[in-house]
Amino acid sequence: MLQKIDHLGIAVRSLDEAVPYYENALGLKCEHREEVISQKVRTAFFSVGEVHLELLEPTDPESPIAKFLEKNPNGGIHHIAFATTDIRGQLQQAAGAGVRLINPEPFEGAANKLVAFLHPKSTFGVLTEFCSPKSGSSCGCQH
C-alpha cells in the first residue's frame, strides 16, 4: 500500500552549485549526502514537511541522470517516489495493470531503502519510483 510521497528526485549538474541555492535562498538544511554507486549518482537530501527533495548529480556520463540532463540542460524534476509498505506487491499491482516496469525486482537505493522504477511511457510521462525501508530500518527517509 502506498503511504505518502516520499521524495521528489531533482537532477542537477553539480551538488556543490545546487545545494547553496536550497540552503541560502530557500532556507532548507542539507541533511544527508550519499553516493549511490549502482545508479552512478551523488545525492543530497532536504526535508520539506514529510516530503524530501533528493538532488541527483551524475557521476558517470552514461548514468540515467546524465542522460536526463542531456535532454534537459537546466535539470529539473526527474522522478516522484512513493513510500510503500510492500514494494513487491506494488510492483505486482502495477504490472498487473499493464504498467511497464523498469525494475521488476527492487534494488538498494539511497537512504537505506529498496527502490524500483516504473517506465514513464506507462505512467503518463512521469518516472515513478516505489521505495520502502530495507528490513530492520524504520519507514520514511532517515537522512
C-alpha atoms as a PDB file:
ATOM      1  CA  MET A   1       0.000   0.000   0.000  1.00  0.00           C
ATOM      2  CA  LEU A   2       1.251   3.476  -0.838  1.00  0.00           C
ATOM      3  CA  GLN A   3       1.767   5.599   2.258  1.00  0.00           C
ATOM      4  CA  LYS A   4       2.848   9.020   1.044  1.00  0.00           C
ATOM      5  CA  ILE A   5       5.005  10.893  -1.405  1.00  0.00           C
ATOM      6  CA  ASP A   6       8.466  10.090  -0.088  1.00  0.00           C
ATOM      7  CA  HIS A   7      10.564  12.372  -2.253  1.00  0.00           C
ATOM      8  CA  LEU A   8      10.987  14.261  -5.483  1.00  0.00           C
ATOM      9  CA  GLY A   9      14.168  13.475  -7.383  1.00  0.00           C
ATOM     10  CA  ILE A  10      15.706  16.591  -8.930  1.00  0.00           C
ATOM     11  CA  ALA A  11      18.506  16.304 -11.481  1.00  0.00           C
ATOM     12  CA  VAL A  12      21.326  18.841 -11.100  1.00  0.00           C
ATOM     13  CA  ARG A  13      24.659  19.206 -12.830  1.00  0.00           C
ATOM     14  CA  SER A  14      26.526  19.904  -9.578  1.00  0.00           C
ATOM     15  CA  LEU A  15      25.588  19.391  -5.949  1.00  0.00           C
ATOM     16  CA  ASP A  16      28.208  21.967  -4.977  1.00  0.00           C
ATOM     17  CA  GLU A  17      26.371  24.554  -7.073  1.00  0.00           C
ATOM     18  CA  ALA A  18      22.799  23.476  -6.281  1.00  0.00           C
ATOM     19  CA  VAL A  19      22.957  22.837  -2.521  1.00  0.00           C
ATOM     20  CA  PRO A  20      23.685  26.500  -1.661  1.00  0.00           C
ATOM     21  CA  TYR A  21      20.512  27.561  -3.516  1.00  0.00           C
ATOM     22  CA  TYR A  22      18.362  25.241  -1.403  1.00  0.00           C
ATOM     23  CA  GLU A  23      20.154  26.305   1.790  1.00  0.00           C
ATOM     24  CA  ASN A  24      20.556  30.039   1.203  1.00  0.00           C
ATOM     25  CA  ALA A  25      17.607  31.008  -0.997  1.00  0.00           C
ATOM     26  CA  LEU A  26      15.058  28.560   0.426  1.00  0.00           C
ATOM     27  CA  GLY A  27      16.405  28.227   3.966  1.00  0.00           C
ATOM     28  CA  LEU A  28      16.499  24.431   3.905  1.00  0.00           C
ATOM     29  CA  LYS A  29      19.213  22.339   5.526  1.00  0.00           C
ATOM     30  CA  CYS A  30      21.073  19.649   3.629  1.00  0.00           C
ATOM     31  CA  GLU A  31      20.547  16.658   5.896  1.00  0.00           C
ATOM     32  CA  HIS A  32      22.498  13.967   4.134  1.00  0.00           C
ATOM     33  CA  ARG A  33      24.800  13.380   1.170  1.00  0.00           C
ATOM     34  CA  GLU A  34      25.449   9.981  -0.287  1.00  0.00           C
ATOM     35  CA  GLU A  35      26.908   8.333  -3.372  1.00  0.00           C
ATOM     36  CA  VAL A  36      24.764   5.604  -4.913  1.00  0.00           C
ATOM     37  CA  ILE A  37      27.258   3.675  -6.993  1.00  0.00           C
ATOM     38  CA  SER A  38      24.643   1.408  -8.603  1.00  0.00           C
ATOM     39  CA  GLN A  39      22.840   4.442 -10.048  1.00  0.00           C
ATOM     40  CA  LYS A  40      26.023   6.430 -10.782  1.00  0.00           C
ATOM     41  CA  VAL A  41      24.893   9.469  -8.788  1.00  0.00           C
ATOM     42  CA  ARG A  42      25.707  11.564  -5.769  1.00  0.00           C
ATOM     43  CA  THR A  43      22.692  12.709  -3.781  1.00  0.00           C
ATOM     44  CA  ALA A  44      21.837  15.438  -1.307  1.00  0.00           C
ATOM     45  CA  PHE A  45      18.623  15.327   0.735  1.00  0.00           C
ATOM     46  CA  PHE A  46      16.445  18.098   2.149  1.00  0.00           C
ATOM     47  CA  SER A  47      13.160  17.843   4.089  1.00  0.00           C
ATOM     48  CA  VAL A  48      10.085  19.944   3.459  1.00  0.00           C
ATOM     49  CA  GLY A  49       7.467  18.708   5.901  1.00  0.00           C
ATOM     50  CA  GLU A  50       7.192  14.953   5.366  1.00  0.00           C
ATOM     51  CA  VAL A  51       8.431  15.121   1.768  1.00  0.00           C
ATOM     52  CA  HIS A  52      12.099  15.038   0.866  1.00  0.00           C
ATOM     53  CA  LEU A  53      13.924  16.609  -2.020  1.00  0.00           C
ATOM     54  CA  GLU A  54      16.655  14.407  -3.440  1.00  0.00           C
ATOM     55  CA  LEU A  55      19.162  16.282  -5.575  1.00  0.00           C
ATOM     56  CA  LEU A  56      20.873  13.940  -8.036  1.00  0.00           C
ATOM     57  CA  GLU A  57      24.265  14.686  -9.605  1.00  0.00           C
ATOM     58  CA  PRO A  58      25.599  12.228 -12.195  1.00  0.00           C
ATOM     59  CA  THR A  59      28.963  10.595 -11.574  1.00  0.00           C
ATOM     60  CA  ASP A  60      29.157   8.950 -14.998  1.00  0.00           C
ATOM     61  CA  PRO A  61      28.188  10.272 -18.458  1.00  0.00           C
ATOM     62  CA  GLU A  62      26.202   7.048 -19.042  1.00  0.00           C
ATOM     63  CA  SER A  63      24.088   7.377 -15.895  1.00  0.00           C
ATOM     64  CA  PRO A  64      20.323   7.908 -16.154  1.00  0.00           C
ATOM     65  CA  ILE A  65      20.738  11.371 -14.605  1.00  0.00           C
ATOM     66  CA  ALA A  66      23.428  12.375 -17.132  1.00  0.00           C
ATOM     67  CA  LYS A  67      21.126  11.278 -19.943  1.00  0.00           C
ATOM     68  CA  PHE A  68      18.245  13.251 -18.406  1.00  0.00           C
ATOM     69  CA  LEU A  69      20.489  16.334 -18.255  1.00  0.00           C
ATOM     70  CA  GLU A  70      21.387  15.920 -21.941  1.00  0.00           C
ATOM     71  CA  LYS A  71      17.683  16.337 -22.762  1.00  0.00           C
ATOM     72  CA  ASN A  72      17.057  18.901 -20.008  1.00  0.00           C
ATOM     73  CA  PRO A  73      20.189  21.070 -19.778  1.00  0.00           C
ATOM     74  CA  ASN A  74      18.844  23.102 -16.842  1.00  0.00           C
ATOM     75  CA  GLY A  75      17.989  19.993 -14.838  1.00  0.00           C
ATOM     76  CA  GLY A  76      14.634  19.657 -13.138  1.00  0.00           C
ATOM     77  CA  ILE A  77      12.283  17.124 -11.628  1.00  0.00           C
ATOM     78  CA  HIS A  78      13.469  13.678 -12.617  1.00  0.00           C
ATOM     79  CA  HIS A  79      11.066  11.428 -10.666  1.00  0.00           C
ATOM     80  CA  ILE A  80       8.459  11.166  -7.958  1.00  0.00           C
ATOM     81  CA  ALA A  81       8.873   8.485  -5.293  1.00  0.00           C
ATOM     82  CA  PHE A  82       6.102   6.896  -3.291  1.00  0.00           C
ATOM     83  CA  ALA A  83       6.770   5.211   0.047  1.00  0.00           C
ATOM     84  CA  THR A  84       5.151   1.803   0.306  1.00  0.00           C
ATOM     85  CA  THR A  85       4.853  -0.879   2.926  1.00  0.00           C
ATOM     86  CA  ASP A  86       5.026  -3.605   0.253  1.00  0.00           C
ATOM     87  CA  ILE A  87       7.286  -2.738  -2.668  1.00  0.00           C
ATOM     88  CA  ARG A  88       6.954  -6.135  -4.331  1.00  0.00           C
ATOM     89  CA  GLY A  89       3.167  -6.012  -4.008  1.00  0.00           C
ATOM     90  CA  GLN A  90       3.131  -2.527  -5.552  1.00  0.00           C
ATOM     91  CA  LEU A  91       5.241  -3.763  -8.463  1.00  0.00           C
ATOM     92  CA  GLN A  92       2.873  -6.712  -8.985  1.00  0.00           C
ATOM     93  CA  GLN A  93      -0.143  -4.410  -8.875  1.00  0.00           C
ATOM     94  CA  ALA A  94       1.403  -2.024 -11.410  1.00  0.00           C
ATOM     95  CA  ALA A  95       2.475  -4.857 -13.727  1.00  0.00           C
ATOM     96  CA  GLY A  96      -0.991  -6.405 -13.449  1.00  0.00           C
ATOM     97  CA  ALA A  97      -2.457  -3.087 -14.587  1.00  0.00           C
ATOM     98  CA  GLY A  98      -0.250  -3.173 -17.686  1.00  0.00           C
ATOM     99  CA  VAL A  99       2.434  -0.772 -16.457  1.00  0.00           C
ATOM    100  CA  ARG A 100       5.927  -1.340 -17.842  1.00  0.00           C
ATOM    101  CA  LEU A 101       8.419  -1.960 -15.038  1.00  0.00           C
ATOM    102  CA  ILE A 102      11.972  -0.710 -15.372  1.00  0.00           C
ATOM    103  CA  ASN A 103      12.912  -2.827 -12.360  1.00  0.00           C
ATOM    104  CA  PRO A 104      10.869  -5.982 -11.824  1.00  0.00           C
ATOM    105  CA  GLU A 105      12.834  -6.542  -8.607  1.00  0.00           C
ATOM    106  CA  PRO A 106      13.712  -3.877  -6.030  1.00  0.00           C
ATOM    107  CA  PHE A 107      17.354  -2.933  -5.534  1.00  0.00           C
ATOM    108  CA  GLU A 108      19.291  -0.964  -2.949  1.00  0.00           C
ATOM    109  CA  GLY A 109      18.930   2.789  -3.372  1.00  0.00           C
ATOM    110  CA  ALA A 110      19.869   5.828  -1.332  1.00  0.00           C
ATOM    111  CA  ALA A 111      18.944   6.324   2.323  1.00  0.00           C
ATOM    112  CA  ASN A 112      18.980   2.606   3.195  1.00  0.00           C
ATOM    113  CA  LYS A 113      15.945   1.857   1.016  1.00  0.00           C
ATOM    114  CA  LEU A 114      14.833  -0.663  -1.543  1.00  0.00           C
ATOM    115  CA  VAL A 115      13.673   1.038  -4.736  1.00  0.00           C
ATOM    116  CA  ALA A 116      12.163   0.165  -8.114  1.00  0.00           C
ATOM    117  CA  PHE A 117      11.017   2.295 -11.040  1.00  0.00           C
ATOM    118  CA  LEU A 118       8.053   2.315 -13.398  1.00  0.00           C
ATOM    119  CA  HIS A 119       8.663   3.376 -17.001  1.00  0.00           C
ATOM    120  CA  PRO A 120       7.406   6.887 -17.844  1.00  0.00           C
ATOM    121  CA  LYS A 121       5.907   5.618 -21.117  1.00  0.00           C
ATOM    122  CA  SER A 122       3.407   3.727 -18.948  1.00  0.00           C
ATOM    123  CA  THR A 123       2.884   6.473 -16.342  1.00  0.00           C
ATOM    124  CA  PHE A 124       1.841   9.458 -18.443  1.00  0.00           C
ATOM    125  CA  GLY A 125       5.401  10.754 -18.725  1.00  0.00           C
ATOM    126  CA  VAL A 126       6.311  10.642 -15.030  1.00  0.00           C
ATOM    127  CA  LEU A 127       9.197   8.414 -13.952  1.00  0.00           C
ATOM    128  CA  THR A 128       7.715   6.808 -10.845  1.00  0.00           C
ATOM    129  CA  GLU A 129       9.643   5.171  -8.034  1.00  0.00           C
ATOM    130  CA  PHE A 130       8.421   2.923  -5.262  1.00  0.00           C
ATOM    131  CA  CYS A 131      10.598   2.850  -2.149  1.00  0.00           C
ATOM    132  CA  SER A 132      10.496   1.020   1.133  1.00  0.00           C
ATOM    133  CA  PRO A 133      12.878   0.670   4.025  1.00  0.00           C
ATOM    134  CA  LYS A 134      15.208  -2.292   3.927  1.00  0.00           C
ATOM    135  CA  SER A 135      14.427  -4.854   6.618  1.00  0.00           C
ATOM    136  CA  GLY A 136      15.120  -3.537  10.069  1.00  0.00           C
ATOM    137  CA  SER A 137      15.019   0.174   9.226  1.00  0.00           C
ATOM    138  CA  SER A 138      12.178   2.480  10.037  1.00  0.00           C
ATOM    139  CA  CYS A 139       9.742   3.774   7.451  1.00  0.00           C
ATOM    140  CA  GLY A 140      10.406   7.091   5.761  1.00  0.00           C
ATOM    141  CA  CYS A 141      13.634   8.809   4.858  1.00  0.00           C
ATOM    142  CA  GLN A 142      16.170   8.748   7.628  1.00  0.00           C
ATOM    143  CA  HIS A 143      18.923  11.083   6.444  1.00  0.00           C
END
